[in-house]
Amino acid sequence: MESKAFSLNTKDIVNLGKNALLVGIGAAVAYVGQNVSHIDLGAASAFIVPVITIALDAIIKWTKDNTKA
């Protein structure tokens, strides 16, 4: 953050919004990840559960900063 102590500028507020979005995505991913094994879809469960797991993994990788400094 580039603002002085006890003040926020526009860039700080944008960064806080991005962090809030990432926290929300993380919470949603954690909720789905905890409950994906309890889904009963009959014979389709053997196909759908791995697809959901791969999608969750893709979301986690997408939200991380993968650039090297």
PDB file of N, CA and C in Angstrom:
ATOM      1  N   MET A   1       0.846  -1.173   0.000  1.00  0.00           N
ATOM      2  CA  MET A   1       0.000   0.000   0.000  1.00  0.00           C
ATOM      3  C   MET A   1       0.891   1.236   0.000  1.00  0.00           C
ATOM      4  N   GLU A   2       0.475   2.209  -0.753  1.00  0.00           N
ATOM      5  CA  GLU A   2       1.307   3.374  -0.963  1.00  0.00           C
ATOM      6  C   GLU A   2       0.816   4.622  -0.259  1.00  0.00           C
ATOM      7  N   SER A   3      -0.246   4.551   0.485  1.00  0.00           N
ATOM      8  CA  SER A   3      -0.766   5.733   1.141  1.00  0.00           C
ATOM      9  C   SER A   3      -0.090   5.942   2.497  1.00  0.00           C
ATOM     10  N   LYS A   4      -0.266   7.137   3.038  1.00  0.00           N
ATOM     11  CA  LYS A   4       0.299   7.449   4.342  1.00  0.00           C
ATOM     12  C   LYS A   4      -0.478   6.705   5.421  1.00  0.00           C
ATOM     13  N   ALA A   5       0.074   6.673   6.605  1.00  0.00           N
ATOM     14  CA  ALA A   5      -0.585   5.988   7.721  1.00  0.00           C
ATOM     15  C   ALA A   5      -1.975   6.574   7.974  1.00  0.00           C
ATOM     16  N   PHE A   6      -2.915   5.714   8.263  1.00  0.00           N
ATOM     17  CA  PHE A   6      -4.297   6.072   8.604  1.00  0.00           C
ATOM     18  C   PHE A   6      -5.047   6.763   7.469  1.00  0.00           C
ATOM     19  N   SER A   7      -4.656   6.463   6.217  1.00  0.00           N
ATOM     20  CA  SER A   7      -5.402   6.973   5.068  1.00  0.00           C
ATOM     21  C   SER A   7      -5.328   5.938   3.948  1.00  0.00           C
ATOM     22  N   LEU A   8      -6.306   5.977   3.069  1.00  0.00           N
ATOM     23  CA  LEU A   8      -6.359   5.059   1.932  1.00  0.00           C
ATOM     24  C   LEU A   8      -6.516   5.862   0.652  1.00  0.00           C
ATOM     25  N   ASN A   9      -5.791   5.468  -0.382  1.00  0.00           N
ATOM     26  CA  ASN A   9      -6.005   6.089  -1.678  1.00  0.00           C
ATOM     27  C   ASN A   9      -6.755   5.110  -2.575  1.00  0.00           C
ATOM     28  N   THR A  10      -6.992   5.494  -3.805  1.00  0.00           N
ATOM     29  CA  THR A  10      -7.779   4.662  -4.718  1.00  0.00           C
ATOM     30  C   THR A  10      -7.102   3.319  -4.986  1.00  0.00           C
ATOM     31  N   LYS A  11      -5.787   3.331  -5.147  1.00  0.00           N
ATOM     32  CA  LYS A  11      -5.069   2.085  -5.410  1.00  0.00           C
ATOM     33  C   LYS A  11      -5.207   1.118  -4.233  1.00  0.00           C
ATOM     34  N   ASP A  12      -5.167   1.640  -3.004  1.00  0.00           N
ATOM     35  CA  ASP A  12      -5.344   0.796  -1.821  1.00  0.00           C
ATOM     36  C   ASP A  12      -6.727   0.161  -1.800  1.00  0.00           C
ATOM     37  N   ILE A  13      -7.732   0.928  -2.144  1.00  0.00           N
ATOM     38  CA  ILE A  13      -9.104   0.421  -2.129  1.00  0.00           C
ATOM     39  C   ILE A  13      -9.290  -0.647  -3.205  1.00  0.00           C
ATOM     40  N   VAL A  14      -8.676  -0.460  -4.376  1.00  0.00           N
ATOM     41  CA  VAL A  14      -8.742  -1.471  -5.439  1.00  0.00           C
ATOM     42  C   VAL A  14      -8.063  -2.759  -4.963  1.00  0.00           C
ATOM     43  N   ASN A  15      -6.889  -2.631  -4.332  1.00  0.00           N
ATOM     44  CA  ASN A  15      -6.190  -3.813  -3.819  1.00  0.00           C
ATOM     45  C   ASN A  15      -6.997  -4.520  -2.731  1.00  0.00           C
ATOM     46  N   LEU A  16      -7.664  -3.767  -1.872  1.00  0.00           N
ATOM     47  CA  LEU A  16      -8.515  -4.376  -0.853  1.00  0.00           C
ATOM     48  C   LEU A  16      -9.689  -5.116  -1.496  1.00  0.00           C
ATOM     49  N   GLY A  17     -10.255  -4.538  -2.547  1.00  0.00           N
ATOM     50  CA  GLY A  17     -11.340  -5.203  -3.263  1.00  0.00           C
ATOM     51  C   GLY A  17     -10.886  -6.504  -3.901  1.00  0.00           C
ATOM     52  N   LYS A  18      -9.684  -6.500  -4.498  1.00  0.00           N
ATOM     53  CA  LYS A  18      -9.142  -7.723  -5.089  1.00  0.00           C
ATOM     54  C   LYS A  18      -8.922  -8.789  -4.025  1.00  0.00           C
ATOM     55  N   ASN A  19      -8.376  -8.381  -2.886  1.00  0.00           N
ATOM     56  CA  ASN A  19      -8.157  -9.341  -1.799  1.00  0.00           C
ATOM     57  C   ASN A  19      -9.480  -9.893  -1.279  1.00  0.00           C
ATOM     58  N   ALA A  20     -10.493  -9.037  -1.185  1.00  0.00           N
ATOM     59  CA  ALA A  20     -11.804  -9.503  -0.732  1.00  0.00           C
ATOM     60  C   ALA A  20     -12.384 -10.519  -1.716  1.00  0.00           C
ATOM     61  N   LEU A  21     -12.189 -10.274  -3.008  1.00  0.00           N
ATOM     62  CA  LEU A  21     -12.665 -11.217  -4.020  1.00  0.00           C
ATOM     63  C   LEU A  21     -11.945 -12.556  -3.900  1.00  0.00           C
ATOM     64  N   LEU A  22     -10.629 -12.523  -3.705  1.00  0.00           N
ATOM     65  CA  LEU A  22      -9.874 -13.764  -3.551  1.00  0.00           C
ATOM     66  C   LEU A  22     -10.284 -14.519  -2.290  1.00  0.00           C
ATOM     67  N   VAL A  23     -10.543 -13.805  -1.212  1.00  0.00           N
ATOM     68  CA  VAL A  23     -10.995 -14.458   0.020  1.00  0.00           C
ATOM     69  C   VAL A  23     -12.360 -15.101  -0.202  1.00  0.00           C
ATOM     70  N   GLY A  24     -13.244 -14.408  -0.904  1.00  0.00           N
ATOM     71  CA  GLY A  24     -14.559 -14.975  -1.207  1.00  0.00           C
ATOM     72  C   GLY A  24     -14.464 -16.217  -2.081  1.00  0.00           C
ATOM     73  N   ILE A  25     -13.593 -16.180  -3.087  1.00  0.00           N
ATOM     74  CA  ILE A  25     -13.394 -17.351  -3.941  1.00  0.00           C
ATOM     75  C   ILE A  25     -12.820 -18.496  -3.123  1.00  0.00           C
ATOM     76  N   GLY A  26     -11.862 -18.171  -2.245  1.00  0.00           N
ATOM     77  CA  GLY A  26     -11.270 -19.206  -1.387  1.00  0.00           C
ATOM     78  C   GLY A  26     -12.303 -19.850  -0.479  1.00  0.00           C
ATOM     79  N   ALA A  27     -13.192 -19.044   0.081  1.00  0.00           N
ATOM     80  CA  ALA A  27     -14.231 -19.586   0.948  1.00  0.00           C
ATOM     81  C   ALA A  27     -15.185 -20.485   0.163  1.00  0.00           C
ATOM     82  N   ALA A  28     -15.549 -20.064  -1.042  1.00  0.00           N
ATOM     83  CA  ALA A  28     -16.444 -20.876  -1.873  1.00  0.00           C
ATOM     84  C   ALA A  28     -15.782 -22.187  -2.272  1.00  0.00           C
ATOM     85  N   VAL A  29     -14.497 -22.118  -2.637  1.00  0.00           N
ATOM     86  CA  VAL A  29     -13.768 -23.328  -3.014  1.00  0.00           C
ATOM     87  C   VAL A  29     -13.658 -24.277  -1.821  1.00  0.00           C
ATOM     88  N   ALA A  30     -13.381 -23.720  -0.638  1.00  0.00           N
ATOM     89  CA  ALA A  30     -13.279 -24.559   0.559  1.00  0.00           C
ATOM     90  C   ALA A  30     -14.621 -25.231   0.869  1.00  0.00           C
ATOM     91  N   TYR A  31     -15.723 -24.492   0.733  1.00  0.00           N
ATOM     92  CA  TYR A  31     -17.044 -25.058   1.001  1.00  0.00           C
ATOM     93  C   TYR A  31     -17.363 -26.187   0.028  1.00  0.00           C
ATOM     94  N   VAL A  32     -17.144 -25.942  -1.251  1.00  0.00           N
ATOM     95  CA  VAL A  32     -17.428 -26.970  -2.253  1.00  0.00           C
ATOM     96  C   VAL A  32     -16.510 -28.167  -2.054  1.00  0.00           C
ATOM     97  N   GLY A  33     -15.231 -27.898  -1.754  1.00  0.00           N
ATOM     98  CA  GLY A  33     -14.283 -28.983  -1.548  1.00  0.00           C
ATOM     99  C   GLY A  33     -14.636 -29.871  -0.373  1.00  0.00           C
ATOM    100  N   GLN A  34     -15.179 -29.290   0.673  1.00  0.00           N
ATOM    101  CA  GLN A  34     -15.584 -30.074   1.840  1.00  0.00           C
ATOM    102  C   GLN A  34     -16.822 -30.912   1.565  1.00  0.00           C
ATOM    103  N   ASN A  35     -17.684 -30.441   0.682  1.00  0.00           N
ATOM    104  CA  ASN A  35     -18.973 -31.101   0.475  1.00  0.00           C
ATOM    105  C   ASN A  35     -19.075 -31.911  -0.812  1.00  0.00           C
ATOM    106  N   VAL A  36     -18.015 -31.901  -1.637  1.00  0.00           N
ATOM    107  CA  VAL A  36     -18.103 -32.600  -2.917  1.00  0.00           C
ATOM    108  C   VAL A  36     -18.231 -34.115  -2.717  1.00  0.00           C
ATOM    109  N   SER A  37     -17.679 -34.645  -1.658  1.00  0.00           N
ATOM    110  CA  SER A  37     -17.743 -36.093  -1.455  1.00  0.00           C
ATOM    111  C   SER A  37     -19.118 -36.549  -0.960  1.00  0.00           C
ATOM    112  N   HIS A  38     -19.958 -35.616  -0.530  1.00  0.00           N
ATOM    113  CA  HIS A  38     -21.282 -35.968  -0.010  1.00  0.00           C
ATOM    114  C   HIS A  38     -22.377 -35.895  -1.073  1.00  0.00           C
ATOM    115  N   ILE A  39     -21.996 -35.533  -2.284  1.00  0.00           N
ATOM    116  CA  ILE A  39     -22.968 -35.425  -3.370  1.00  0.00           C
ATOM    117  C   ILE A  39     -23.332 -36.828  -3.861  1.00  0.00           C
ATOM    118  N   ASP A  40     -24.620 -37.111  -3.942  1.00  0.00           N
ATOM    119  CA  ASP A  40     -25.062 -38.417  -4.435  1.00  0.00           C
ATOM    120  C   ASP A  40     -25.784 -38.214  -5.761  1.00  0.00           C
ATOM    121  N   LEU A  41     -25.093 -38.529  -6.839  1.00  0.00           N
ATOM    122  CA  LEU A  41     -25.663 -38.362  -8.167  1.00  0.00           C
ATOM    123  C   LEU A  41     -25.841 -39.696  -8.874  1.00  0.00           C
ATOM    124  N   GLY A  42     -25.862 -40.757  -8.103  1.00  0.00           N
ATOM    125  CA  GLY A  42     -26.038 -42.084  -8.680  1.00  0.00           C
ATOM    126  C   GLY A  42     -24.815 -42.512  -9.462  1.00  0.00           C
ATOM    127  N   ALA A  43     -25.045 -43.098 -10.615  1.00  0.00           N
ATOM    128  CA  ALA A  43     -23.946 -43.606 -11.435  1.00  0.00           C
ATOM    129  C   ALA A  43     -23.079 -42.479 -11.992  1.00  0.00           C
ATOM    130  N   ALA A  44     -23.630 -41.284 -12.109  1.00  0.00           N
ATOM    131  CA  ALA A  44     -22.868 -40.157 -12.652  1.00  0.00           C
ATOM    132  C   ALA A  44     -21.842 -39.616 -11.664  1.00  0.00           C
ATOM    133  N   SER A  45     -21.941 -39.987 -10.386  1.00  0.00           N
ATOM    134  CA  SER A  45     -20.997 -39.500  -9.380  1.00  0.00           C
ATOM    135  C   SER A  45     -19.559 -39.853  -9.721  1.00  0.00           C
ATOM    136  N   ALA A  46     -19.341 -41.021 -10.300  1.00  0.00           N
ATOM    137  CA  ALA A  46     -17.987 -41.447 -10.641  1.00  0.00           C
ATOM    138  C   ALA A  46     -17.367 -40.531 -11.696  1.00  0.00           C
ATOM    139  N   PHE A  47     -18.185 -39.848 -12.457  1.00  0.00           N
ATOM    140  CA  PHE A  47     -17.682 -38.923 -13.467  1.00  0.00           C
ATOM    141  C   PHE A  47     -17.670 -37.485 -12.958  1.00  0.00           C
ATOM    142  N   ILE A  48     -18.709 -37.070 -12.272  1.00  0.00           N
ATOM    143  CA  ILE A  48     -18.875 -35.667 -11.894  1.00  0.00           C
ATOM    144  C   ILE A  48     -17.930 -35.246 -10.770  1.00  0.00           C
ATOM    145  N   VAL A  49     -17.715 -36.080  -9.767  1.00  0.00           N
ATOM    146  CA  VAL A  49     -16.850 -35.708  -8.645  1.00  0.00           C
ATOM    147  C   VAL A  49     -15.422 -35.409  -9.103  1.00  0.00           C
ATOM    148  N   PRO A  50     -14.799 -36.235  -9.962  1.00  0.00           N
ATOM    149  CA  PRO A  50     -13.459 -35.866 -10.440  1.00  0.00           C
ATOM    150  C   PRO A  50     -13.443 -34.588 -11.277  1.00  0.00           C
ATOM    151  N   VAL A  51     -14.495 -34.350 -12.051  1.00  0.00           N
ATOM    152  CA  VAL A  51     -14.564 -33.129 -12.844  1.00  0.00           C
ATOM    153  C   VAL A  51     -14.636 -31.910 -11.921  1.00  0.00           C
ATOM    154  N   ILE A  52     -15.439 -31.991 -10.869  1.00  0.00           N
ATOM    155  CA  ILE A  52     -15.526 -30.889  -9.903  1.00  0.00           C
ATOM    156  C   ILE A  52     -14.178 -30.680  -9.219  1.00  0.00           C
ATOM    157  N   THR A  53     -13.504 -31.754  -8.870  1.00  0.00           N
ATOM    158  CA  THR A  53     -12.203 -31.656  -8.216  1.00  0.00           C
ATOM    159  C   THR A  53     -11.182 -30.985  -9.124  1.00  0.00           C
ATOM    160  N   ILE A  54     -11.157 -31.350 -10.396  1.00  0.00           N
ATOM    161  CA  ILE A  54     -10.233 -30.723 -11.345  1.00  0.00           C
ATOM    162  C   ILE A  54     -10.585 -29.246 -11.541  1.00  0.00           C
ATOM    163  N   ALA A  55     -11.868 -28.929 -11.589  1.00  0.00           N
ATOM    164  CA  ALA A  55     -12.286 -27.537 -11.724  1.00  0.00           C
ATOM    165  C   ALA A  55     -11.853 -26.718 -10.503  1.00  0.00           C
ATOM    166  N   LEU A  56     -11.995 -27.296  -9.312  1.00  0.00           N
ATOM    167  CA  LEU A  56     -11.554 -26.594  -8.103  1.00  0.00           C
ATOM    168  C   LEU A  56     -10.046 -26.358  -8.134  1.00  0.00           C
ATOM    169  N   ASP A  57      -9.290 -27.344  -8.574  1.00  0.00           N
ATOM    170  CA  ASP A  57      -7.845 -27.190  -8.681  1.00  0.00           C
ATOM    171  C   ASP A  57      -7.492 -26.090  -9.679  1.00  0.00           C
ATOM    172  N   ALA A  58      -8.216 -26.026 -10.790  1.00  0.00           N
ATOM    173  CA  ALA A  58      -7.974 -24.983 -11.785  1.00  0.00           C
ATOM    174  C   ALA A  58      -8.278 -23.601 -11.213  1.00  0.00           C
ATOM    175  N   ILE A  59      -9.345 -23.492 -10.431  1.00  0.00           N
ATOM    176  CA  ILE A  59      -9.692 -22.210  -9.807  1.00  0.00           C
ATOM    177  C   ILE A  59      -8.604 -21.780  -8.833  1.00  0.00           C
ATOM    178  N   ILE A  60      -8.090 -22.716  -8.046  1.00  0.00           N
ATOM    179  CA  ILE A  60      -7.033 -22.396  -7.082  1.00  0.00           C
ATOM    180  C   ILE A  60      -5.790 -21.908  -7.820  1.00  0.00           C
ATOM    181  N   LYS A  61      -5.393 -22.600  -8.888  1.00  0.00           N
ATOM    182  CA  LYS A  61      -4.207 -22.188  -9.646  1.00  0.00           C
ATOM    183  C   LYS A  61      -4.431 -20.854 -10.334  1.00  0.00           C
ATOM    184  N   TRP A  62      -5.642 -20.581 -10.781  1.00  0.00           N
ATOM    185  CA  TRP A  62      -5.959 -19.332 -11.451  1.00  0.00           C
ATOM    186  C   TRP A  62      -5.866 -18.147 -10.491  1.00  0.00           C
ATOM    187  N   THR A  63      -6.270 -18.344  -9.232  1.00  0.00           N
ATOM    188  CA  THR A  63      -6.275 -17.245  -8.280  1.00  0.00           C
ATOM    189  C   THR A  63      -4.900 -16.944  -7.700  1.00  0.00           C
ATOM    190  N   LYS A  64      -3.964 -17.893  -7.790  1.00  0.00           N
ATOM    191  CA  LYS A  64      -2.625 -17.661  -7.261  1.00  0.00           C
ATOM    192  C   LYS A  64      -1.823 -16.786  -8.207  1.00  0.00           C
ATOM    193  N   ASP A  65      -0.857 -16.067  -7.640  1.00  0.00           N
ATOM    194  CA  ASP A  65       0.067 -15.278  -8.423  1.00  0.00           C
ATOM    195  C   ASP A  65       1.228 -16.185  -8.834  1.00  0.00           C
ATOM    196  N   ASN A  66       1.268 -16.573 -10.081  1.00  0.00           N
ATOM    197  CA  ASN A  66       2.267 -17.519 -10.558  1.00  0.00           C
ATOM    198  C   ASN A  66       3.467 -16.847 -11.210  1.00  0.00           C
ATOM    199  N   THR A  67       3.568 -15.539 -11.087  1.00  0.00           N
ATOM    200  CA  THR A  67       4.708 -14.833 -11.663  1.00  0.00           C
ATOM    201  C   THR A  67       5.895 -14.962 -10.721  1.00  0.00           C
ATOM    202  N   LYS A  68       7.070 -15.011 -11.299  1.00  0.00           N
ATOM    203  CA  LYS A  68       8.298 -15.115 -10.489  1.00  0.00           C
ATOM    204  C   LYS A  68       8.946 -13.747 -10.430  1.00  0.00           C
ATOM    205  N   ALA A  69       9.299 -13.345  -9.243  1.00  0.00           N
ATOM    206  CA  ALA A  69       9.912 -12.014  -9.073  1.00  0.00           C
ATOM    207  C   ALA A  69      11.387 -12.029  -9.369  1.00  0.00           C
TER     208      ALA A  69
END
